[in-house]
Amino acid sequence: MDHVKDICIPDSGTTHTILKSKKYFTKIFPTKGVINRISGPADLIEGTSNAMFMLPNGIKFVINNALYSPKSKRNLLSFNDIYSQGYDTETTTEGNMKYINITTNILGKKKILEKLPKLPSVLHYTYIHQIECNLVVKEAPKTMTLWHDRLGHPSSTMMHKIVEGTHGHPLKGLKLTREDRPCEACSLGKLITKHSPGKIQTESPAFLERIQGDVCGPIHPPSGPFRYFMVLIDASS
């Protein structure tokens, strides 16, 4: 998936990172603020929040208290926020081109993570893009169902007694409704299996004369690491 990249200027003169797009913020808290420019102060700040973005070579930034300013001309990356992420900066020259390098120290050796070239306006720049989040969201179980499982699948009567007679759980005031029942594991566990009638009606084997066995499973939920169980039935019973 291609990411939409936005140009961003590293700025040693700004105390906070300033971003123009909402997509980099987790949740924006509306606020008003002033940006001091060469031409004078401007009322451009509309919010503040934590921001997340990635640089071209994969460096991820998670910045506290970034400023949201949709009317700003540029995205600005504060040097303070670069340092707060554990990185450092340096300037280098290659041929006729000057760069600002974002570096880190790994086992005592300096490593260049990003090289920021110059625009024709002599400002160094980089690109930022939104961090793609691939999340698998599992629906949270209902509170009553969750505690029913945790407490070992008690019956409805016992569950009511536990709710009313104990503390330290969030079940007070909750009612056990039909939506919370039946529990599949409870239903399977309470099934009654009757023995098969003898092929010969007059047959009456002695105790332990004939044992019938079967392996059942897989069971859900498992019992610890076990998913199968064996049932043995005495034909005389």
C-alpha atoms as a PDB file:
ATOM      1  CA  MET A   1       0.000   0.000   0.000  1.00  0.00           C
ATOM      2  CA  ASP A   2       1.442   3.387  -0.989  1.00  0.00           C
ATOM      3  CA  HIS A   3       1.640   5.976   1.731  1.00  0.00           C
ATOM      4  CA  VAL A   4       0.857   9.631   1.076  1.00  0.00           C
ATOM      5  CA  LYS A   5       3.990  11.525   2.042  1.00  0.00           C
ATOM      6  CA  ASP A   6       4.118  15.081   3.345  1.00  0.00           C
ATOM      7  CA  ILE A   7       7.196  17.264   3.335  1.00  0.00           C
ATOM      8  CA  CYS A   8       8.508  18.198   6.775  1.00  0.00           C
ATOM      9  CA  ILE A   9      11.158  20.729   7.762  1.00  0.00           C
ATOM     10  CA  PRO A  10      13.440  20.082  10.773  1.00  0.00           C
ATOM     11  CA  ASP A  11      13.479  23.309  12.734  1.00  0.00           C
ATOM     12  CA  SER A  12      15.784  24.145  15.630  1.00  0.00           C
ATOM     13  CA  GLY A  13      13.764  27.281  16.367  1.00  0.00           C
ATOM     14  CA  THR A  14      10.453  25.638  17.245  1.00  0.00           C
ATOM     15  CA  THR A  15       9.875  24.196  20.690  1.00  0.00           C
ATOM     16  CA  HIS A  16       7.132  21.820  19.489  1.00  0.00           C
ATOM     17  CA  THR A  17       6.582  19.764  16.379  1.00  0.00           C
ATOM     18  CA  ILE A  18       3.859  21.384  14.254  1.00  0.00           C
ATOM     19  CA  LEU A  19       1.773  19.290  11.862  1.00  0.00           C
ATOM     20  CA  LYS A  20      -0.882  20.314   9.354  1.00  0.00           C
ATOM     21  CA  SER A  21      -2.862  17.082   9.029  1.00  0.00           C
ATOM     22  CA  LYS A  22      -5.126  15.357  11.539  1.00  0.00           C
ATOM     23  CA  LYS A  23      -4.058  11.923  10.300  1.00  0.00           C
ATOM     24  CA  TYR A  24      -0.874  12.018  12.389  1.00  0.00           C
ATOM     25  CA  PHE A  25      -2.690  12.644  15.678  1.00  0.00           C
ATOM     26  CA  THR A  26      -4.281  10.067  17.950  1.00  0.00           C
ATOM     27  CA  LYS A  27      -6.870  12.490  19.321  1.00  0.00           C
ATOM     28  CA  ILE A  28      -6.806  16.257  19.035  1.00  0.00           C
ATOM     29  CA  PHE A  29      -7.651  18.387  22.040  1.00  0.00           C
ATOM     30  CA  PRO A  30      -8.857  21.798  20.805  1.00  0.00           C
ATOM     31  CA  THR A  31      -6.736  24.685  21.969  1.00  0.00           C
ATOM     32  CA  LYS A  32      -5.648  28.063  20.727  1.00  0.00           C
ATOM     33  CA  GLY A  33      -2.022  29.120  20.392  1.00  0.00           C
ATOM     34  CA  VAL A  34       0.236  31.599  18.699  1.00  0.00           C
ATOM     35  CA  ILE A  35       3.220  30.907  16.442  1.00  0.00           C
ATOM     36  CA  ASN A  36       5.898  33.585  16.514  1.00  0.00           C
ATOM     37  CA  ARG A  37       7.168  34.239  12.995  1.00  0.00           C
ATOM     38  CA  ILE A  38       9.571  36.768  11.519  1.00  0.00           C
ATOM     39  CA  SER A  39       6.588  38.778  10.305  1.00  0.00           C
ATOM     40  CA  GLY A  40       5.035  38.629  13.764  1.00  0.00           C
ATOM     41  CA  PRO A  41       2.846  36.331  15.874  1.00  0.00           C
ATOM     42  CA  ALA A  42       0.063  34.403  14.153  1.00  0.00           C
ATOM     43  CA  ASP A  43      -2.899  32.633  15.702  1.00  0.00           C
ATOM     44  CA  LEU A  44      -2.453  29.297  13.880  1.00  0.00           C
ATOM     45  CA  ILE A  45      -2.610  26.588  16.540  1.00  0.00           C
ATOM     46  CA  GLU A  46      -5.974  24.794  16.767  1.00  0.00           C
ATOM     47  CA  GLY A  47      -5.154  21.776  18.898  1.00  0.00           C
ATOM     48  CA  THR A  48      -2.590  19.587  20.611  1.00  0.00           C
ATOM     49  CA  SER A  49      -2.155  15.855  21.109  1.00  0.00           C
ATOM     50  CA  ASN A  50       0.237  12.945  20.718  1.00  0.00           C
ATOM     51  CA  ALA A  51       1.375  12.409  17.133  1.00  0.00           C
ATOM     52  CA  MET A  52       2.843   9.421  15.283  1.00  0.00           C
ATOM     53  CA  PHE A  53       4.569   9.313  11.908  1.00  0.00           C
ATOM     54  CA  MET A  54       7.400   7.613  10.044  1.00  0.00           C
ATOM     55  CA  LEU A  55      10.383   8.950   8.084  1.00  0.00           C
ATOM     56  CA  PRO A  56      11.440   7.503   4.686  1.00  0.00           C
ATOM     57  CA  ASN A  57      13.944   4.977   6.092  1.00  0.00           C
ATOM     58  CA  GLY A  58      11.505   3.665   8.673  1.00  0.00           C
ATOM     59  CA  ILE A  59      12.263   5.741  11.782  1.00  0.00           C
ATOM     60  CA  LYS A  60       9.094   5.975  13.847  1.00  0.00           C
ATOM     61  CA  PHE A  61       8.341   9.077  15.886  1.00  0.00           C
ATOM     62  CA  VAL A  62       5.883   9.118  18.778  1.00  0.00           C
ATOM     63  CA  ILE A  63       5.740  12.725  19.918  1.00  0.00           C
ATOM     64  CA  ASN A  64       4.025  14.054  23.006  1.00  0.00           C
ATOM     65  CA  ASN A  65       2.215  17.380  22.762  1.00  0.00           C
ATOM     66  CA  ALA A  66       2.608  17.999  19.046  1.00  0.00           C
ATOM     67  CA  LEU A  67       0.680  21.011  17.749  1.00  0.00           C
ATOM     68  CA  TYR A  68      -2.079  20.821  15.151  1.00  0.00           C
ATOM     69  CA  SER A  69      -1.967  23.783  12.770  1.00  0.00           C
ATOM     70  CA  PRO A  70      -3.880  23.240   9.501  1.00  0.00           C
ATOM     71  CA  LYS A  71      -3.183  26.818   8.381  1.00  0.00           C
ATOM     72  CA  SER A  72       0.611  26.513   8.648  1.00  0.00           C
ATOM     73  CA  LYS A  73       2.563  26.520   5.400  1.00  0.00           C
ATOM     74  CA  ARG A  74       4.859  23.663   6.461  1.00  0.00           C
ATOM     75  CA  ASN A  75       5.129  20.718   8.794  1.00  0.00           C
ATOM     76  CA  LEU A  76       7.901  21.434  11.282  1.00  0.00           C
ATOM     77  CA  LEU A  77       9.884  18.774  13.175  1.00  0.00           C
ATOM     78  CA  SER A  78      11.376  20.130  16.369  1.00  0.00           C
ATOM     79  CA  PHE A  79      14.990  19.208  17.120  1.00  0.00           C
ATOM     80  CA  ASN A  80      13.886  18.787  20.741  1.00  0.00           C
ATOM     81  CA  ASP A  81      11.567  15.982  19.646  1.00  0.00           C
ATOM     82  CA  ILE A  82      14.348  14.349  17.612  1.00  0.00           C
ATOM     83  CA  TYR A  83      16.536  14.262  20.720  1.00  0.00           C
ATOM     84  CA  SER A  84      13.683  13.092  22.954  1.00  0.00           C
ATOM     85  CA  GLN A  85      13.333   9.987  20.735  1.00  0.00           C
ATOM     86  CA  GLY A  86      16.929   9.057  21.565  1.00  0.00           C
ATOM     87  CA  TYR A  87      18.432  10.249  18.271  1.00  0.00           C
ATOM     88  CA  ASP A  88      21.135  12.804  17.562  1.00  0.00           C
ATOM     89  CA  THR A  89      21.882  15.102  14.621  1.00  0.00           C
ATOM     90  CA  GLU A  90      24.957  16.166  12.707  1.00  0.00           C
ATOM     91  CA  THR A  91      25.732  18.078   9.505  1.00  0.00           C
ATOM     92  CA  THR A  92      27.824  16.559   6.728  1.00  0.00           C
ATOM     93  CA  THR A  93      28.917  17.562   3.237  1.00  0.00           C
ATOM     94  CA  GLU A  94      29.064  15.213   0.277  1.00  0.00           C
ATOM     95  CA  GLY A  95      30.383  16.913  -2.846  1.00  0.00           C
ATOM     96  CA  ASN A  96      28.504  20.187  -3.052  1.00  0.00           C
ATOM     97  CA  MET A  97      25.516  18.910  -1.052  1.00  0.00           C
ATOM     98  CA  LYS A  98      25.036  19.482   2.652  1.00  0.00           C
ATOM     99  CA  TYR A  99      22.925  17.136   4.759  1.00  0.00           C
ATOM    100  CA  ILE A 100      21.506  16.983   8.248  1.00  0.00           C
ATOM    101  CA  ASN A 101      21.879  13.399   9.419  1.00  0.00           C
ATOM    102  CA  ILE A 102      19.734  11.809  12.095  1.00  0.00           C
ATOM    103  CA  THR A 103      21.993   9.357  13.898  1.00  0.00           C
ATOM    104  CA  THR A 104      21.955   6.833  16.698  1.00  0.00           C
ATOM    105  CA  ASN A 105      24.603   5.012  18.680  1.00  0.00           C
ATOM    106  CA  ILE A 106      24.646   1.211  18.524  1.00  0.00           C
ATOM    107  CA  LEU A 107      27.246  -0.579  20.665  1.00  0.00           C
ATOM    108  CA  GLY A 108      29.464   2.476  20.636  1.00  0.00           C
ATOM    109  CA  LYS A 109      29.257   2.970  16.870  1.00  0.00           C
ATOM    110  CA  LYS A 110      27.451   5.830  15.200  1.00  0.00           C
ATOM    111  CA  LYS A 111      24.847   4.851  12.607  1.00  0.00           C
ATOM    112  CA  ILE A 112      23.188   7.247  10.174  1.00  0.00           C
ATOM    113  CA  LEU A 113      19.444   6.583  10.094  1.00  0.00           C
ATOM    114  CA  GLU A 114      18.228   9.412   7.843  1.00  0.00           C
ATOM    115  CA  LYS A 115      19.934  11.919   5.530  1.00  0.00           C
ATOM    116  CA  LEU A 116      18.020  15.162   5.125  1.00  0.00           C
ATOM    117  CA  PRO A 117      18.935  17.077   1.934  1.00  0.00           C
ATOM    118  CA  LYS A 118      18.267  20.728   1.119  1.00  0.00           C
ATOM    119  CA  LEU A 119      15.494  22.423  -0.775  1.00  0.00           C
ATOM    120  CA  PRO A 120      16.336  25.214  -3.269  1.00  0.00           C
ATOM    121  CA  SER A 121      15.330  27.578  -0.440  1.00  0.00           C
ATOM    122  CA  VAL A 122      18.324  26.167   1.514  1.00  0.00           C
ATOM    123  CA  LEU A 123      16.047  24.558   4.122  1.00  0.00           C
ATOM    124  CA  HIS A 124      16.720  20.922   4.944  1.00  0.00           C
ATOM    125  CA  TYR A 125      13.732  18.626   4.576  1.00  0.00           C
ATOM    126  CA  THR A 126      12.422  15.115   4.848  1.00  0.00           C
ATOM    127  CA  TYR A 127       9.157  13.317   4.185  1.00  0.00           C
ATOM    128  CA  ILE A 128       6.785  11.919   6.764  1.00  0.00           C
ATOM    129  CA  HIS A 129       3.912   9.518   6.335  1.00  0.00           C
ATOM    130  CA  GLN A 130       1.270   7.922   8.486  1.00  0.00           C
ATOM    131  CA  ILE A 131       2.163   4.733  10.310  1.00  0.00           C
ATOM    132  CA  GLU A 132       0.014   1.916   8.986  1.00  0.00           C
ATOM    133  CA  CYS A 133      -1.690   0.007  11.774  1.00  0.00           C
ATOM    134  CA  ASN A 134      -2.908  -3.498  11.010  1.00  0.00           C
ATOM    135  CA  LEU A 135      -5.003  -4.395  14.018  1.00  0.00           C
ATOM    136  CA  VAL A 136      -7.048  -7.493  14.618  1.00  0.00           C
ATOM    137  CA  VAL A 137      -9.759  -6.411  17.012  1.00  0.00           C
ATOM    138  CA  LYS A 138     -11.287  -9.178  19.075  1.00  0.00           C
ATOM    139  CA  GLU A 139     -14.697  -8.453  20.466  1.00  0.00           C
ATOM    140  CA  ALA A 140     -14.524  -8.182  24.220  1.00  0.00           C
ATOM    141  CA  PRO A 141     -16.635 -10.795  26.000  1.00  0.00           C
ATOM    142  CA  LYS A 142     -19.573  -9.638  28.060  1.00  0.00           C
ATOM    143  CA  THR A 143     -18.733  -9.052  31.693  1.00  0.00           C
ATOM    144  CA  MET A 144     -21.058 -11.743  33.050  1.00  0.00           C
ATOM    145  CA  THR A 145     -19.857 -14.293  30.490  1.00  0.00           C
ATOM    146  CA  LEU A 146     -16.224 -13.468  31.231  1.00  0.00           C
ATOM    147  CA  TRP A 147     -16.615 -13.991  34.973  1.00  0.00           C
ATOM    148  CA  HIS A 148     -18.710 -17.114  34.456  1.00  0.00           C
ATOM    149  CA  ASP A 149     -15.730 -18.597  32.582  1.00  0.00           C
ATOM    150  CA  ARG A 150     -13.206 -17.365  35.159  1.00  0.00           C
ATOM    151  CA  LEU A 151     -15.165 -18.854  38.062  1.00  0.00           C
ATOM    152  CA  GLY A 152     -15.252 -22.330  36.541  1.00  0.00           C
ATOM    153  CA  HIS A 153     -18.669 -22.297  34.813  1.00  0.00           C
ATOM    154  CA  PRO A 154     -20.938 -22.309  37.885  1.00  0.00           C
ATOM    155  CA  SER A 155     -24.683 -22.886  37.482  1.00  0.00           C
ATOM    156  CA  SER A 156     -27.082 -19.943  37.305  1.00  0.00           C
ATOM    157  CA  THR A 157     -28.043 -20.342  40.946  1.00  0.00           C
ATOM    158  CA  MET A 158     -24.444 -20.506  42.105  1.00  0.00           C
ATOM    159  CA  MET A 159     -23.536 -17.571  39.868  1.00  0.00           C
ATOM    160  CA  HIS A 160     -26.201 -15.439  41.545  1.00  0.00           C
ATOM    161  CA  LYS A 161     -24.888 -16.429  44.988  1.00  0.00           C
ATOM    162  CA  ILE A 162     -21.337 -15.524  43.984  1.00  0.00           C
ATOM    163  CA  VAL A 163     -22.425 -12.154  42.609  1.00  0.00           C
ATOM    164  CA  GLU A 164     -24.398 -11.275  45.728  1.00  0.00           C
ATOM    165  CA  GLY A 165     -22.041 -12.694  48.345  1.00  0.00           C
ATOM    166  CA  THR A 166     -18.575 -11.655  47.183  1.00  0.00           C
ATOM    167  CA  HIS A 167     -16.626  -8.483  46.543  1.00  0.00           C
ATOM    168  CA  GLY A 168     -13.814  -7.434  44.212  1.00  0.00           C
ATOM    169  CA  HIS A 169     -15.664  -7.890  40.930  1.00  0.00           C
ATOM    170  CA  PRO A 170     -17.690  -5.537  38.690  1.00  0.00           C
ATOM    171  CA  LEU A 171     -20.812  -7.719  38.656  1.00  0.00           C
ATOM    172  CA  LYS A 172     -22.817  -5.866  41.292  1.00  0.00           C
ATOM    173  CA  GLY A 173     -26.109  -4.750  39.797  1.00  0.00           C
ATOM    174  CA  LEU A 174     -25.778  -6.891  36.674  1.00  0.00           C
ATOM    175  CA  LYS A 175     -28.505  -9.375  35.918  1.00  0.00           C
ATOM    176  CA  LEU A 176     -28.021 -12.818  34.454  1.00  0.00           C
ATOM    177  CA  THR A 177     -30.084 -12.563  31.273  1.00  0.00           C
ATOM    178  CA  ARG A 178     -30.851 -15.041  28.548  1.00  0.00           C
ATOM    179  CA  GLU A 179     -28.158 -13.400  26.407  1.00  0.00           C
ATOM    180  CA  ASP A 180     -25.581 -14.617  28.932  1.00  0.00           C
ATOM    181  CA  ARG A 181     -26.858 -18.191  28.643  1.00  0.00           C
ATOM    182  CA  PRO A 182     -26.564 -20.915  27.667  1.00  0.00           C
ATOM    183  CA  CYS A 183     -22.849 -21.457  28.006  1.00  0.00           C
ATOM    184  CA  GLU A 184     -21.743 -23.877  25.293  1.00  0.00           C
ATOM    185  CA  ALA A 185     -19.149 -25.542  27.523  1.00  0.00           C
ATOM    186  CA  CYS A 186     -21.729 -25.984  30.293  1.00  0.00           C
ATOM    187  CA  SER A 187     -24.281 -27.420  27.886  1.00  0.00           C
ATOM    188  CA  LEU A 188     -21.810 -29.958  26.532  1.00  0.00           C
ATOM    189  CA  GLY A 189     -20.628 -30.896  30.013  1.00  0.00           C
ATOM    190  CA  LYS A 190     -24.162 -31.553  31.253  1.00  0.00           C
ATOM    191  CA  LEU A 191     -25.189 -33.847  28.446  1.00  0.00           C
ATOM    192  CA  ILE A 192     -26.379 -37.212  29.759  1.00  0.00           C
ATOM    193  CA  THR A 193     -25.386 -40.242  27.738  1.00  0.00           C
ATOM    194  CA  LYS A 194     -27.447 -43.335  28.362  1.00  0.00           C
ATOM    195  CA  HIS A 195     -25.931 -46.764  27.813  1.00  0.00           C
ATOM    196  CA  SER A 196     -26.872 -48.590  24.631  1.00  0.00           C
ATOM    197  CA  PRO A 197     -29.318 -51.452  25.061  1.00  0.00           C
ATOM    198  CA  GLY A 198     -27.784 -54.895  24.754  1.00  0.00           C
ATOM    199  CA  LYS A 199     -27.996 -56.588  21.389  1.00  0.00           C
ATOM    200  CA  ILE A 200     -29.452 -59.579  23.159  1.00  0.00           C
ATOM    201  CA  GLN A 201     -32.302 -58.465  25.383  1.00  0.00           C
ATOM    202  CA  THR A 202     -31.741 -61.296  27.836  1.00  0.00           C
ATOM    203  CA  GLU A 203     -28.004 -60.574  28.127  1.00  0.00           C
ATOM    204  CA  SER A 204     -26.938 -59.578  31.599  1.00  0.00           C
ATOM    205  CA  PRO A 205     -23.139 -59.573  31.828  1.00  0.00           C
ATOM    206  CA  ALA A 206     -21.512 -59.624  35.193  1.00  0.00           C
ATOM    207  CA  PHE A 207     -19.859 -56.551  36.654  1.00  0.00           C
ATOM    208  CA  LEU A 208     -16.668 -55.695  34.724  1.00  0.00           C
ATOM    209  CA  GLU A 209     -17.268 -58.606  32.333  1.00  0.00           C
ATOM    210  CA  ARG A 210     -17.472 -56.259  29.362  1.00  0.00           C
ATOM    211  CA  ILE A 211     -16.088 -52.710  29.268  1.00  0.00           C
ATOM    212  CA  GLN A 212     -16.982 -50.346  26.427  1.00  0.00           C
ATOM    213  CA  GLY A 213     -14.677 -47.409  25.727  1.00  0.00           C
ATOM    214  CA  ASP A 214     -14.617 -44.349  23.514  1.00  0.00           C
ATOM    215  CA  VAL A 215     -12.362 -41.309  23.030  1.00  0.00           C
ATOM    216  CA  CYS A 216     -14.200 -37.977  22.972  1.00  0.00           C
ATOM    217  CA  GLY A 217     -12.987 -34.609  21.719  1.00  0.00           C
ATOM    218  CA  PRO A 218     -11.611 -32.204  20.924  1.00  0.00           C
ATOM    219  CA  ILE A 219     -13.316 -30.352  23.765  1.00  0.00           C
ATOM    220  CA  HIS A 220     -13.737 -26.594  24.000  1.00  0.00           C
ATOM    221  CA  PRO A 221     -12.533 -24.924  26.076  1.00  0.00           C
ATOM    222  CA  PRO A 222      -9.651 -27.335  26.725  1.00  0.00           C
ATOM    223  CA  SER A 223      -8.949 -28.584  30.237  1.00  0.00           C
ATOM    224  CA  GLY A 224      -5.460 -27.215  30.735  1.00  0.00           C
ATOM    225  CA  PRO A 225      -3.350 -28.761  27.970  1.00  0.00           C
ATOM    226  CA  PHE A 226      -5.862 -31.577  27.410  1.00  0.00           C
ATOM    227  CA  ARG A 227      -8.401 -31.599  24.574  1.00  0.00           C
ATOM    228  CA  TYR A 228      -9.547 -35.242  24.631  1.00  0.00           C
ATOM    229  CA  PHE A 229     -10.926 -37.622  27.255  1.00  0.00           C
ATOM    230  CA  MET A 230     -11.778 -41.297  27.387  1.00  0.00           C
ATOM    231  CA  VAL A 231     -15.103 -42.678  28.601  1.00  0.00           C
ATOM    232  CA  LEU A 232     -15.320 -46.262  29.921  1.00  0.00           C
ATOM    233  CA  ILE A 233     -18.737 -47.838  30.527  1.00  0.00           C
ATOM    234  CA  ASP A 234     -19.422 -51.141  32.207  1.00  0.00           C
ATOM    235  CA  ALA A 235     -22.002 -52.951  30.088  1.00  0.00           C
ATOM    236  CA  SER A 236     -23.697 -54.279  33.210  1.00  0.00           C
ATOM    237  CA  SER A 237     -24.548 -50.846  34.578  1.00  0.00           C
END
